[in-house]
Amino acid sequence: MEGLDCSIPNKFRHFNFVPTMPDHGVPAHNVLHRLTGEDFAAFHAQVCEAAVIARRALDATNAQESAEEWQKLFGEKFPLPAKSESGSREVKLGTAAGSGGGGPRPLKDQPFF
């Protein structure tokens, strides 16, 4: 998300530029060949807006705030956290148990794969 350059959508529109994206199965095919610069600029702007929301969800300090942000992207089917026995939905986010002891590590340091 941080590597996304959100300052360039108007360049796509102005120059009618669309980048190429090779088909995974047939690399010689450009899967974006039907898009116009206007189409790609609109798509890029939506991705930039989604990246801001996703960052807020990842940076949230509790599960309720995080889930509410994810719902803005994925809709109400994205589950809100279950209430605890005390009726609270406040769950500390941002850590996960690391292997080998040493306590929790920040999630941002966890590999995706």
N, C-alpha and C. Protein backbone atom coordinates (compact mmCIF):
# COMPACT_ATOMS: atom_id res chain seq x y z
N MET A 1 0.82 -1.19 0.00
CA MET A 1 0.00 0.00 0.00
C MET A 1 0.86 1.26 0.00
N GLU A 2 1.92 1.21 0.80
CA GLU A 2 2.76 2.39 0.88
C GLU A 2 3.52 2.64 -0.41
N GLY A 3 3.71 1.62 -1.24
CA GLY A 3 4.41 1.78 -2.49
C GLY A 3 3.53 2.28 -3.62
N LEU A 4 2.25 2.48 -3.36
CA LEU A 4 1.30 2.92 -4.37
C LEU A 4 1.43 4.43 -4.59
N ASP A 5 1.67 4.84 -5.81
CA ASP A 5 1.80 6.27 -6.13
C ASP A 5 0.43 6.81 -6.52
N CYS A 6 -0.20 7.51 -5.59
CA CYS A 6 -1.56 8.01 -5.82
C CYS A 6 -1.56 9.41 -6.44
N SER A 7 -0.40 9.88 -6.84
CA SER A 7 -0.34 11.21 -7.46
C SER A 7 -0.44 11.14 -8.98
N ILE A 8 -0.56 9.94 -9.56
CA ILE A 8 -0.46 9.83 -11.01
C ILE A 8 -1.76 9.54 -11.78
N PRO A 9 -2.94 9.37 -11.16
CA PRO A 9 -4.12 9.03 -11.97
C PRO A 9 -4.41 10.01 -13.09
N ASN A 10 -4.20 11.28 -12.88
CA ASN A 10 -4.49 12.26 -13.94
C ASN A 10 -3.54 12.10 -15.12
N LYS A 11 -2.36 11.60 -14.87
CA LYS A 11 -1.43 11.34 -15.98
C LYS A 11 -1.98 10.24 -16.88
N PHE A 12 -2.58 9.21 -16.28
CA PHE A 12 -3.19 8.14 -17.08
C PHE A 12 -4.29 8.73 -17.95
N ARG A 13 -5.10 9.58 -17.34
CA ARG A 13 -6.24 10.18 -18.05
C ARG A 13 -5.75 11.14 -19.14
N HIS A 14 -4.84 12.02 -18.78
CA HIS A 14 -4.37 13.06 -19.69
C HIS A 14 -3.66 12.47 -20.92
N PHE A 15 -2.81 11.49 -20.69
CA PHE A 15 -2.03 10.92 -21.79
C PHE A 15 -2.68 9.67 -22.39
N ASN A 16 -3.89 9.32 -21.88
CA ASN A 16 -4.59 8.12 -22.32
C ASN A 16 -3.66 6.91 -22.22
N PHE A 17 -2.95 6.84 -21.11
CA PHE A 17 -1.96 5.79 -20.89
C PHE A 17 -2.53 4.69 -20.01
N VAL A 18 -2.30 3.45 -20.42
CA VAL A 18 -2.66 2.27 -19.62
C VAL A 18 -1.44 1.37 -19.58
N PRO A 19 -0.98 1.00 -18.39
CA PRO A 19 0.17 0.10 -18.34
C PRO A 19 -0.19 -1.28 -18.88
N THR A 20 0.80 -2.05 -19.18
CA THR A 20 0.55 -3.42 -19.62
C THR A 20 0.60 -4.35 -18.43
N MET A 21 -0.21 -5.39 -18.49
CA MET A 21 -0.22 -6.43 -17.46
C MET A 21 -0.33 -7.77 -18.17
N PRO A 22 0.76 -8.53 -18.20
CA PRO A 22 0.72 -9.80 -18.92
C PRO A 22 -0.20 -10.81 -18.24
N ASP A 23 -0.88 -11.57 -19.06
CA ASP A 23 -1.72 -12.68 -18.58
C ASP A 23 -0.79 -13.72 -17.96
N HIS A 24 -1.15 -14.22 -16.80
CA HIS A 24 -0.31 -15.20 -16.10
C HIS A 24 -0.10 -16.45 -16.96
N GLY A 25 -1.15 -16.90 -17.62
CA GLY A 25 -1.05 -18.12 -18.42
C GLY A 25 -0.47 -17.90 -19.81
N VAL A 26 -0.69 -16.72 -20.37
CA VAL A 26 -0.19 -16.40 -21.71
C VAL A 26 0.46 -15.01 -21.64
N PRO A 27 1.72 -14.96 -21.25
CA PRO A 27 2.38 -13.67 -21.01
C PRO A 27 2.34 -12.70 -22.19
N ALA A 28 2.18 -13.19 -23.40
CA ALA A 28 2.12 -12.30 -24.56
C ALA A 28 0.81 -11.51 -24.62
N HIS A 29 -0.20 -11.94 -23.85
CA HIS A 29 -1.49 -11.24 -23.83
C HIS A 29 -1.49 -10.17 -22.74
N ASN A 30 -1.90 -8.98 -23.08
CA ASN A 30 -2.02 -7.87 -22.14
C ASN A 30 -3.47 -7.85 -21.64
N VAL A 31 -3.68 -8.17 -20.36
CA VAL A 31 -5.05 -8.25 -19.84
C VAL A 31 -5.72 -6.88 -19.71
N LEU A 32 -4.96 -5.81 -19.83
CA LEU A 32 -5.53 -4.46 -19.73
C LEU A 32 -5.74 -3.80 -21.10
N HIS A 33 -5.63 -4.55 -22.16
CA HIS A 33 -5.66 -3.95 -23.50
C HIS A 33 -6.98 -3.27 -23.85
N ARG A 34 -8.06 -3.62 -23.19
CA ARG A 34 -9.37 -3.02 -23.50
C ARG A 34 -9.65 -1.73 -22.73
N LEU A 35 -8.82 -1.42 -21.76
CA LEU A 35 -9.05 -0.23 -20.95
C LEU A 35 -8.55 1.04 -21.64
N THR A 36 -9.24 2.13 -21.38
CA THR A 36 -8.77 3.44 -21.81
C THR A 36 -8.00 4.08 -20.65
N GLY A 37 -7.30 5.16 -20.94
CA GLY A 37 -6.63 5.90 -19.87
C GLY A 37 -7.61 6.39 -18.83
N GLU A 38 -8.80 6.78 -19.28
CA GLU A 38 -9.86 7.22 -18.36
C GLU A 38 -10.29 6.08 -17.44
N ASP A 39 -10.49 4.89 -18.02
CA ASP A 39 -10.87 3.72 -17.22
C ASP A 39 -9.81 3.40 -16.18
N PHE A 40 -8.56 3.37 -16.63
CA PHE A 40 -7.49 3.02 -15.71
C PHE A 40 -7.31 4.07 -14.63
N ALA A 41 -7.47 5.34 -14.97
CA ALA A 41 -7.36 6.41 -13.97
C ALA A 41 -8.45 6.25 -12.90
N ALA A 42 -9.67 5.90 -13.31
CA ALA A 42 -10.76 5.70 -12.35
C ALA A 42 -10.46 4.50 -11.45
N PHE A 43 -9.98 3.40 -12.03
CA PHE A 43 -9.60 2.23 -11.25
C PHE A 43 -8.49 2.58 -10.26
N HIS A 44 -7.47 3.28 -10.73
CA HIS A 44 -6.34 3.64 -9.89
C HIS A 44 -6.79 4.52 -8.72
N ALA A 45 -7.68 5.45 -8.97
CA ALA A 45 -8.19 6.32 -7.90
C ALA A 45 -8.92 5.50 -6.84
N GLN A 46 -9.70 4.51 -7.27
CA GLN A 46 -10.42 3.66 -6.32
C GLN A 46 -9.45 2.82 -5.49
N VAL A 47 -8.39 2.34 -6.11
CA VAL A 47 -7.38 1.56 -5.39
C VAL A 47 -6.71 2.45 -4.34
N CYS A 48 -6.43 3.69 -4.68
CA CYS A 48 -5.81 4.61 -3.72
C CYS A 48 -6.72 4.88 -2.54
N GLU A 49 -8.01 5.06 -2.79
CA GLU A 49 -8.97 5.26 -1.70
C GLU A 49 -9.05 4.01 -0.83
N ALA A 50 -9.05 2.84 -1.43
CA ALA A 50 -9.11 1.59 -0.68
C ALA A 50 -7.84 1.40 0.16
N ALA A 51 -6.71 1.82 -0.35
CA ALA A 51 -5.45 1.68 0.38
C ALA A 51 -5.46 2.50 1.66
N VAL A 52 -6.06 3.68 1.62
CA VAL A 52 -6.16 4.53 2.81
C VAL A 52 -7.02 3.83 3.88
N ILE A 53 -8.15 3.28 3.46
CA ILE A 53 -9.04 2.58 4.39
C ILE A 53 -8.35 1.34 4.95
N ALA A 54 -7.69 0.58 4.09
CA ALA A 54 -6.99 -0.63 4.54
C ALA A 54 -5.90 -0.28 5.56
N ARG A 55 -5.17 0.80 5.33
CA ARG A 55 -4.14 1.21 6.28
C ARG A 55 -4.76 1.56 7.63
N ARG A 56 -5.92 2.27 7.61
CA ARG A 56 -6.60 2.58 8.88
C ARG A 56 -7.02 1.30 9.59
N ALA A 57 -7.49 0.32 8.83
CA ALA A 57 -7.90 -0.96 9.44
C ALA A 57 -6.70 -1.67 10.07
N LEU A 58 -5.59 -1.67 9.37
CA LEU A 58 -4.39 -2.33 9.89
C LEU A 58 -3.80 -1.60 11.09
N ASP A 59 -3.95 -0.30 11.13
CA ASP A 59 -3.39 0.49 12.22
C ASP A 59 -4.34 0.65 13.40
N ALA A 60 -5.55 0.15 13.29
CA ALA A 60 -6.53 0.28 14.38
C ALA A 60 -5.98 -0.35 15.66
N THR A 61 -6.37 0.21 16.79
CA THR A 61 -5.87 -0.29 18.07
C THR A 61 -6.77 -1.34 18.69
N ASN A 62 -7.96 -1.55 18.11
CA ASN A 62 -8.81 -2.61 18.63
C ASN A 62 -9.58 -3.26 17.47
N ALA A 63 -10.10 -4.44 17.74
CA ALA A 63 -10.76 -5.24 16.70
C ALA A 63 -12.01 -4.56 16.16
N GLN A 64 -12.74 -3.88 17.01
CA GLN A 64 -13.97 -3.22 16.56
C GLN A 64 -13.66 -2.14 15.51
N GLU A 65 -12.72 -1.27 15.82
CA GLU A 65 -12.34 -0.22 14.86
C GLU A 65 -11.81 -0.82 13.56
N SER A 66 -10.98 -1.84 13.69
CA SER A 66 -10.42 -2.48 12.51
C SER A 66 -11.52 -3.08 11.64
N ALA A 67 -12.42 -3.84 12.24
CA ALA A 67 -13.50 -4.48 11.49
C ALA A 67 -14.41 -3.45 10.82
N GLU A 68 -14.66 -2.34 11.49
CA GLU A 68 -15.50 -1.30 10.89
C GLU A 68 -14.85 -0.72 9.63
N GLU A 69 -13.53 -0.56 9.66
CA GLU A 69 -12.82 -0.09 8.48
C GLU A 69 -12.87 -1.13 7.36
N TRP A 70 -12.64 -2.42 7.72
CA TRP A 70 -12.70 -3.48 6.69
C TRP A 70 -14.10 -3.56 6.09
N GLN A 71 -15.13 -3.31 6.89
CA GLN A 71 -16.49 -3.33 6.35
C GLN A 71 -16.69 -2.23 5.30
N LYS A 72 -15.98 -1.14 5.41
CA LYS A 72 -16.08 -0.09 4.40
C LYS A 72 -15.60 -0.60 3.05
N LEU A 73 -14.66 -1.54 3.07
CA LEU A 73 -14.15 -2.11 1.81
C LEU A 73 -14.94 -3.33 1.36
N PHE A 74 -15.28 -4.22 2.30
CA PHE A 74 -15.85 -5.51 1.95
C PHE A 74 -17.34 -5.65 2.23
N GLY A 75 -17.93 -4.62 2.82
CA GLY A 75 -19.36 -4.67 3.10
C GLY A 75 -19.67 -5.27 4.46
N GLU A 76 -20.94 -5.28 4.78
CA GLU A 76 -21.38 -5.72 6.11
C GLU A 76 -21.20 -7.21 6.35
N LYS A 77 -20.91 -7.98 5.31
CA LYS A 77 -20.65 -9.41 5.52
C LYS A 77 -19.31 -9.64 6.21
N PHE A 78 -18.42 -8.63 6.18
CA PHE A 78 -17.18 -8.76 6.93
C PHE A 78 -17.55 -8.75 8.41
N PRO A 79 -17.16 -9.77 9.16
CA PRO A 79 -17.66 -9.91 10.54
C PRO A 79 -17.06 -8.90 11.51
N LEU A 80 -17.92 -8.43 12.39
CA LEU A 80 -17.45 -7.65 13.52
C LEU A 80 -16.97 -8.62 14.58
N PRO A 81 -16.09 -8.21 15.48
CA PRO A 81 -15.60 -9.13 16.50
C PRO A 81 -16.71 -9.56 17.45
N ALA A 82 -16.59 -10.76 17.94
CA ALA A 82 -17.56 -11.26 18.92
C ALA A 82 -17.36 -10.51 20.23
N LYS A 83 -18.44 -10.32 20.95
CA LYS A 83 -18.34 -9.67 22.25
C LYS A 83 -17.71 -10.63 23.25
N SER A 84 -16.91 -10.08 24.15
CA SER A 84 -16.31 -10.89 25.21
C SER A 84 -17.34 -11.12 26.31
N GLU A 85 -16.96 -11.90 27.31
CA GLU A 85 -17.89 -12.19 28.42
C GLU A 85 -18.33 -10.91 29.12
N SER A 86 -17.48 -9.89 29.12
CA SER A 86 -17.83 -8.63 29.78
C SER A 86 -18.70 -7.76 28.88
N GLY A 87 -18.96 -8.23 27.64
CA GLY A 87 -19.77 -7.45 26.71
C GLY A 87 -18.96 -6.49 25.88
N SER A 88 -17.65 -6.47 26.09
CA SER A 88 -16.78 -5.56 25.36
C SER A 88 -16.31 -6.19 24.06
N ARG A 89 -16.10 -5.34 23.07
CA ARG A 89 -15.51 -5.80 21.81
C ARG A 89 -14.09 -5.27 21.69
N GLU A 90 -13.53 -4.79 22.76
CA GLU A 90 -12.19 -4.23 22.75
C GLU A 90 -11.17 -5.36 22.84
N VAL A 91 -10.51 -5.65 21.76
CA VAL A 91 -9.47 -6.66 21.70
C VAL A 91 -8.22 -5.97 21.19
N LYS A 92 -7.11 -6.16 21.88
CA LYS A 92 -5.87 -5.52 21.46
C LYS A 92 -5.39 -6.15 20.17
N LEU A 93 -5.10 -5.31 19.21
CA LEU A 93 -4.60 -5.77 17.91
C LEU A 93 -3.14 -5.41 17.76
N GLY A 94 -2.52 -5.98 16.73
CA GLY A 94 -1.18 -5.58 16.36
C GLY A 94 -0.09 -6.49 16.83
N THR A 95 -0.43 -7.59 17.52
CA THR A 95 0.60 -8.52 17.92
C THR A 95 0.14 -9.93 17.62
N ALA A 96 1.10 -10.80 17.47
CA ALA A 96 0.83 -12.22 17.26
C ALA A 96 1.93 -12.99 17.96
N ALA A 97 1.61 -14.16 18.40
CA ALA A 97 2.61 -14.96 19.09
C ALA A 97 3.72 -15.34 18.12
N GLY A 98 4.93 -15.09 18.52
CA GLY A 98 6.07 -15.44 17.69
C GLY A 98 6.61 -16.81 18.08
N SER A 99 7.29 -17.45 17.17
CA SER A 99 7.86 -18.75 17.50
C SER A 99 9.17 -18.54 18.25
N GLY A 100 9.49 -19.50 19.08
CA GLY A 100 10.76 -19.44 19.78
C GLY A 100 10.74 -18.53 21.00
N GLY A 101 9.58 -18.20 21.51
CA GLY A 101 9.51 -17.38 22.71
C GLY A 101 9.79 -15.93 22.42
N GLY A 102 10.04 -15.18 23.45
CA GLY A 102 10.35 -13.78 23.28
C GLY A 102 9.12 -12.90 23.23
N GLY A 103 7.96 -13.47 23.38
CA GLY A 103 6.74 -12.67 23.40
C GLY A 103 6.20 -12.36 22.03
N PRO A 104 5.15 -11.58 22.00
CA PRO A 104 4.51 -11.28 20.72
C PRO A 104 5.36 -10.37 19.85
N ARG A 105 5.17 -10.51 18.55
CA ARG A 105 5.83 -9.64 17.58
C ARG A 105 4.77 -8.81 16.89
N PRO A 106 5.09 -7.59 16.48
CA PRO A 106 4.11 -6.79 15.73
C PRO A 106 3.70 -7.52 14.46
N LEU A 107 2.42 -7.46 14.12
CA LEU A 107 1.92 -8.13 12.92
C LEU A 107 2.60 -7.62 11.68
N LYS A 108 2.96 -6.34 11.65
CA LYS A 108 3.60 -5.79 10.46
C LYS A 108 4.92 -6.48 10.15
N ASP A 109 5.51 -7.17 11.16
CA ASP A 109 6.75 -7.90 10.95
C ASP A 109 6.52 -9.36 10.56
N GLN A 110 5.28 -9.78 10.49
CA GLN A 110 4.95 -11.16 10.14
C GLN A 110 4.98 -11.32 8.62
N PRO A 111 5.53 -12.43 8.13
CA PRO A 111 5.49 -12.67 6.68
C PRO A 111 4.08 -13.00 6.24
N PHE A 112 3.74 -12.64 5.00
CA PHE A 112 2.42 -12.94 4.47
C PHE A 112 2.34 -14.38 4.02
N PHE A 113 3.45 -14.97 3.62
CA PHE A 113 3.45 -16.34 3.09
C PHE A 113 4.33 -17.21 3.91
